[in-house]
Amino acid sequence: MNKKNSIKIWKSNYIELFGLPGAGKTFIQNKIINRLKKNNLQVLNQKELIIKFYLKNFIINPVHYIKIFLILFFYSKFITFIKSFFKTKRKIISKNNKIYFLSQERKWHHKIIDQLRLNENYHKILVILSKKIIKKNSYKFYKIILKEIDSLKVDIRFKLQLKKWFLESLILIEIQKKDKDNYCVIDEGVLHRIFTIFIFKKNKKTFIKKITEYFKVYGELYLIKTDLKKIFKRSVKRDKAQQGFIYKDKRQVKKYYQDLKLFQKSIQKKIIYKTIIN
């Protein structure tokens, strides 16, 4: 079930977007966040929410507390804003039915992350929370997803990143179920990751049947759509800037677009979402 929808005031504290690379998910995400803030609603990014929840609900020693607080500071709105002026040159391409991360340039903030082991400590938080707050069907769903990711013929780095993204999103949803005061808008959440796996699966019908048995929607889901010409133009700009996912050519754009249409058909009547035309 889906409906075309314009920007409005959302009722849920968790809003998740999905769609093709270059469809404008981040643009719509920022638009929704600005609308929420204009209505005096507290909006936090997913890492802030996860880290604050951990600090609030788990007893930790002083040294560990300082480490976690450093992670929170590094992922705060202010530092994220500062880092935006030092964007990493990082291309992501799909070649021979595989995803590859290319030409990642190391910046000053990467050196800080490495030295303070922020990524490692953040991952430990995710592992701890996964054992504490992901229960029953959600945990079964996560285990199924891990097996599906392992079966993909893609770059090992992409597999590891995809697993981390899934875990992060599932934990965030569980937190948002408990914390009704803060809003979070995700440009690529659980459903988008499911779509990513769907693209590379051979038996797509079996995959969707298995996934929808355990996947339960929380919050509001929005498919971001735009025309293929805009997507390809944005891909060309990304290629010049060496930033984000880069389509190989127009044929690949069309191929992904057909995958999206098939994905929509596969989840019809199983997953409720609305559509925003960008």
Protein backbone atom coordinates (compact mmCIF):
# COMPACT_ATOMS: atom_id res chain seq x y z
CA MET A 1 0.00 0.00 0.00
CA ASN A 2 1.38 3.41 -0.91
CA LYS A 3 0.22 6.94 -1.55
CA LYS A 4 1.85 10.02 -3.04
CA ASN A 5 2.48 12.45 -0.23
CA SER A 6 3.68 16.01 0.22
CA ILE A 7 5.80 17.25 3.13
CA LYS A 8 3.65 17.50 6.26
CA ILE A 9 3.83 17.15 10.02
CA TRP A 10 4.58 13.56 10.94
CA LYS A 11 2.97 11.82 13.89
CA SER A 12 5.66 9.20 14.47
CA ASN A 13 8.98 9.87 16.21
CA TYR A 14 10.74 7.62 13.67
CA ILE A 15 10.71 8.43 9.94
CA GLU A 16 12.56 6.29 7.43
CA LEU A 17 13.19 6.94 3.73
CA PHE A 18 14.17 4.53 0.97
CA GLY A 19 14.73 4.66 -2.77
CA LEU A 20 17.32 4.67 -5.53
CA PRO A 21 20.75 6.25 -5.07
CA GLY A 22 20.43 9.80 -6.37
CA ALA A 23 16.67 10.03 -5.84
CA GLY A 24 17.13 12.83 -3.29
CA LYS A 25 16.66 11.00 0.01
CA THR A 26 19.07 13.25 1.91
CA PHE A 27 17.40 16.37 0.46
CA ILE A 28 13.98 15.19 1.65
CA GLN A 29 15.46 14.11 4.99
CA ASN A 30 16.75 17.64 5.61
CA LYS A 31 13.43 19.11 4.54
CA ILE A 32 11.53 16.92 7.02
CA ILE A 33 14.01 17.71 9.83
CA ASN A 34 13.63 21.46 9.23
CA ARG A 35 9.83 21.15 9.35
CA LEU A 36 9.97 19.21 12.61
CA LYS A 37 12.32 21.76 14.17
CA LYS A 38 10.05 24.62 13.13
CA ASN A 39 7.39 22.94 15.22
CA ASN A 40 9.75 22.95 18.23
CA LEU A 41 10.31 19.18 18.13
CA GLN A 42 13.62 17.70 19.28
CA VAL A 43 15.41 15.98 16.37
CA LEU A 44 18.57 13.92 16.92
CA ASN A 45 20.64 11.82 14.54
CA GLN A 46 20.74 8.06 15.05
CA LYS A 47 24.20 7.91 16.61
CA GLU A 48 23.31 10.61 19.16
CA LEU A 49 20.16 8.73 20.15
CA ILE A 50 21.96 5.41 20.47
CA ILE A 51 24.87 6.77 22.51
CA LYS A 52 22.66 8.85 24.82
CA PHE A 53 20.44 5.84 25.46
CA TYR A 54 23.49 3.76 26.33
CA LEU A 55 24.87 6.38 28.71
CA LYS A 56 21.51 6.77 30.41
CA ASN A 57 20.66 3.10 30.86
CA PHE A 58 23.92 1.26 31.48
CA ILE A 59 26.35 1.50 34.39
CA ILE A 60 29.88 2.09 33.11
CA ASN A 61 33.18 2.92 34.77
CA PRO A 62 34.56 6.51 34.62
CA VAL A 63 37.20 5.77 31.98
CA HIS A 64 34.68 4.09 29.71
CA TYR A 65 32.24 6.96 30.30
CA ILE A 66 34.81 9.45 29.02
CA LYS A 67 35.39 7.34 25.90
CA ILE A 68 31.66 7.13 25.19
CA PHE A 69 31.20 10.83 25.83
CA LEU A 70 33.96 11.54 23.27
CA ILE A 71 32.06 9.47 20.72
CA LEU A 72 28.89 11.44 21.50
CA PHE A 73 30.76 14.72 21.08
CA PHE A 74 32.34 13.61 17.80
CA TYR A 75 28.92 12.68 16.36
CA SER A 76 27.18 15.80 17.72
CA LYS A 77 25.47 18.29 15.39
CA PHE A 78 28.26 20.84 15.82
CA ILE A 79 31.13 18.50 14.92
CA THR A 80 29.09 16.95 12.08
CA PHE A 81 28.59 20.47 10.72
CA ILE A 82 32.34 21.20 10.95
CA LYS A 83 33.19 17.91 9.21
CA SER A 84 30.85 18.81 6.34
CA PHE A 85 33.42 21.39 5.20
CA PHE A 86 36.02 18.62 4.89
CA LYS A 87 34.13 16.06 2.85
CA THR A 88 35.86 12.78 2.15
CA LYS A 89 36.40 11.81 -1.48
CA ARG A 90 34.76 8.42 -1.51
CA LYS A 91 33.23 6.75 -4.55
CA ILE A 92 30.92 3.75 -4.39
CA ILE A 93 30.30 1.82 -7.60
CA SER A 94 28.47 -1.30 -8.71
CA LYS A 95 30.45 -3.45 -11.14
CA ASN A 96 29.82 -7.03 -12.25
CA ASN A 97 26.93 -7.25 -9.80
CA LYS A 98 29.21 -6.25 -6.89
CA ILE A 99 29.53 -3.13 -4.74
CA TYR A 100 32.96 -1.55 -4.29
CA PHE A 101 34.22 1.32 -2.11
CA LEU A 102 36.85 3.32 -3.98
CA SER A 103 39.31 6.18 -3.45
CA GLN A 104 38.65 7.01 0.18
CA GLU A 105 40.80 9.97 1.15
CA ARG A 106 41.83 10.14 4.81
CA LYS A 107 41.01 13.46 6.51
CA TRP A 108 42.03 14.92 9.88
CA HIS A 109 38.88 13.63 11.57
CA HIS A 110 39.63 10.07 10.40
CA LYS A 111 42.98 10.26 12.20
CA ILE A 112 41.18 11.34 15.39
CA ILE A 113 38.73 8.44 15.01
CA ASP A 114 41.60 5.98 14.56
CA GLN A 115 43.67 7.32 17.43
CA LEU A 116 40.79 7.36 19.92
CA ARG A 117 39.35 4.10 18.52
CA LEU A 118 35.92 5.74 18.31
CA ASN A 119 34.57 3.39 15.65
CA GLU A 120 35.68 0.35 17.62
CA ASN A 121 34.08 1.63 20.83
CA TYR A 122 30.89 2.60 19.00
CA HIS A 123 30.64 -0.89 17.52
CA LYS A 124 31.02 -2.36 21.03
CA ILE A 125 28.03 -0.24 22.10
CA LEU A 126 25.99 -1.66 19.22
CA VAL A 127 26.91 -5.24 20.17
CA ILE A 128 25.98 -4.67 23.82
CA LEU A 129 22.66 -3.03 22.95
CA SER A 130 21.83 -5.74 20.41
CA LYS A 131 21.96 -8.31 23.23
CA LYS A 132 19.98 -6.13 25.62
CA ILE A 133 17.14 -4.60 23.61
CA ILE A 134 16.66 -6.59 20.39
CA LYS A 135 14.23 -9.36 21.34
CA LYS A 136 12.37 -12.34 19.85
CA ASN A 137 11.12 -11.74 16.30
CA SER A 138 13.39 -8.72 15.76
CA TYR A 139 16.40 -10.83 16.69
CA LYS A 140 15.28 -13.64 14.35
CA PHE A 141 14.87 -11.03 11.62
CA TYR A 142 18.43 -9.77 12.26
CA LYS A 143 19.86 -13.31 12.09
CA ILE A 144 18.08 -13.95 8.79
CA ILE A 145 19.44 -10.67 7.41
CA LEU A 146 22.99 -11.63 8.41
CA LYS A 147 22.72 -14.91 6.49
CA GLU A 148 21.34 -13.12 3.45
CA ILE A 149 24.19 -10.60 3.53
CA ASP A 150 26.77 -13.40 3.86
CA SER A 151 25.33 -15.06 0.75
CA LEU A 152 25.81 -11.94 -1.40
CA LYS A 153 28.63 -11.83 -3.93
CA VAL A 154 29.83 -8.35 -3.04
CA ASP A 155 32.94 -6.68 -1.65
CA ILE A 156 33.69 -7.94 1.90
CA ARG A 157 33.95 -4.35 3.17
CA PHE A 158 30.46 -3.67 1.89
CA LYS A 159 29.14 -6.80 3.65
CA LEU A 160 30.62 -5.67 6.96
CA GLN A 161 29.26 -2.16 6.52
CA LEU A 162 25.80 -3.47 5.59
CA LYS A 163 25.71 -5.62 8.74
CA LYS A 164 26.66 -2.63 10.88
CA TRP A 165 24.02 -0.45 9.23
CA PHE A 166 21.33 -3.05 9.86
CA LEU A 167 22.29 -3.50 13.49
CA GLU A 168 22.38 0.25 14.03
CA SER A 169 18.93 0.73 12.46
CA LEU A 170 17.30 -2.10 14.43
CA ILE A 171 18.71 -0.78 17.70
CA LEU A 172 17.53 2.73 16.87
CA ILE A 173 13.98 1.50 16.26
CA GLU A 174 13.91 -0.27 19.63
CA ILE A 175 15.15 2.92 21.31
CA GLN A 176 12.52 5.04 19.58
CA LYS A 177 9.81 2.69 20.80
CA LYS A 178 10.89 3.56 24.35
CA ASP A 179 11.78 7.23 23.86
CA LYS A 180 8.83 9.22 22.52
CA ASP A 181 10.31 12.68 23.14
CA ASN A 182 12.97 12.71 20.41
CA TYR A 183 12.46 12.46 16.66
CA CYS A 184 14.80 10.79 14.18
CA VAL A 185 14.72 10.94 10.38
CA ILE A 186 16.75 8.28 8.54
CA ASP A 187 17.57 8.71 4.84
CA GLU A 188 18.59 5.04 4.50
CA GLY A 189 17.13 2.71 7.13
CA VAL A 190 16.07 -0.92 7.40
CA LEU A 191 13.83 -1.02 4.34
CA HIS A 192 16.45 0.67 2.18
CA ARG A 193 19.01 -1.94 3.24
CA ILE A 194 16.51 -4.69 2.43
CA PHE A 195 16.12 -3.15 -1.04
CA THR A 196 19.92 -3.08 -1.42
CA ILE A 197 20.10 -6.82 -0.71
CA PHE A 198 17.12 -7.39 -3.01
CA ILE A 199 19.03 -5.85 -5.94
CA PHE A 200 21.78 -8.48 -5.66
CA LYS A 201 19.60 -11.52 -4.90
CA LYS A 202 18.90 -14.04 -7.66
CA ASN A 203 15.81 -15.57 -6.07
CA LYS A 204 14.12 -12.29 -5.16
CA LYS A 205 10.68 -13.80 -4.49
CA THR A 206 11.99 -16.24 -1.87
CA PHE A 207 14.04 -13.49 -0.25
CA ILE A 208 11.06 -11.13 0.15
CA LYS A 209 8.81 -13.89 1.46
CA LYS A 210 11.39 -14.79 4.12
CA ILE A 211 12.02 -11.17 5.11
CA THR A 212 8.39 -9.97 5.34
CA GLU A 213 7.56 -12.81 7.72
CA TYR A 214 9.62 -11.14 10.46
CA PHE A 215 9.94 -7.50 9.39
CA LYS A 216 7.57 -5.29 11.37
CA VAL A 217 7.12 -1.66 10.41
CA TYR A 218 7.67 0.94 13.09
CA GLY A 219 7.14 4.63 12.43
CA GLU A 220 6.54 5.94 8.93
CA LEU A 221 8.15 4.77 5.69
CA TYR A 222 8.49 6.92 2.60
CA LEU A 223 9.68 5.94 -0.87
CA ILE A 224 11.52 8.86 -2.51
CA LYS A 225 11.08 8.83 -6.28
CA THR A 226 12.28 11.04 -9.11
CA ASP A 227 12.78 10.70 -12.87
CA LEU A 228 15.74 8.83 -14.32
CA LYS A 229 17.28 11.88 -16.01
CA LYS A 230 17.66 13.66 -12.67
CA ILE A 231 19.21 10.58 -11.09
CA PHE A 232 21.81 10.23 -13.86
CA LYS A 233 22.67 13.96 -13.71
CA ARG A 234 23.21 13.69 -9.96
CA SER A 235 25.39 10.61 -10.52
CA VAL A 236 27.58 12.57 -12.95
CA LYS A 237 27.98 15.36 -10.36
CA ARG A 238 28.90 12.80 -7.70
CA ASP A 239 31.49 11.28 -10.01
CA LYS A 240 33.16 14.68 -10.50
CA ALA A 241 33.11 15.32 -6.76
CA GLN A 242 34.16 11.69 -6.05
CA GLN A 243 31.36 11.48 -3.49
CA GLY A 244 28.67 8.81 -2.97
CA PHE A 245 27.26 6.07 -5.18
CA ILE A 246 28.17 6.40 -8.87
CA TYR A 247 26.13 4.70 -11.61
CA LYS A 248 28.21 3.13 -14.36
CA ASP A 249 25.92 4.39 -17.14
CA LYS A 250 22.29 5.03 -18.04
CA ARG A 251 21.67 1.31 -18.49
CA GLN A 252 22.57 0.71 -14.86
CA VAL A 253 20.19 3.49 -13.78
CA LYS A 254 17.40 1.78 -15.72
CA LYS A 255 18.34 -1.60 -14.28
CA TYR A 256 18.13 -0.29 -10.70
CA TYR A 257 14.86 1.47 -11.55
CA GLN A 258 13.39 -1.83 -12.77
CA ASP A 259 14.62 -3.50 -9.56
CA LEU A 260 12.79 -0.83 -7.55
CA LYS A 261 9.55 -1.43 -9.48
CA LEU A 262 9.87 -5.16 -8.84
CA PHE A 263 10.63 -4.48 -5.17
CA GLN A 264 7.52 -2.32 -4.85
CA LYS A 265 5.43 -5.05 -6.42
CA SER A 266 6.96 -7.68 -4.12
CA ILE A 267 6.20 -5.79 -0.89
CA GLN A 268 2.76 -4.59 -2.01
CA LYS A 269 0.14 -5.25 0.68
CA LYS A 270 2.88 -6.56 2.99
CA ILE A 271 4.65 -3.32 3.94
CA ILE A 272 2.81 0.00 4.21
CA TYR A 273 4.61 3.09 2.94
CA LYS A 274 3.88 6.37 1.18
CA THR A 275 5.60 7.95 -1.81
CA ILE A 276 7.17 11.40 -2.09
CA ILE A 277 7.97 12.65 -5.59
CA ASN A 278 11.16 14.73 -5.51
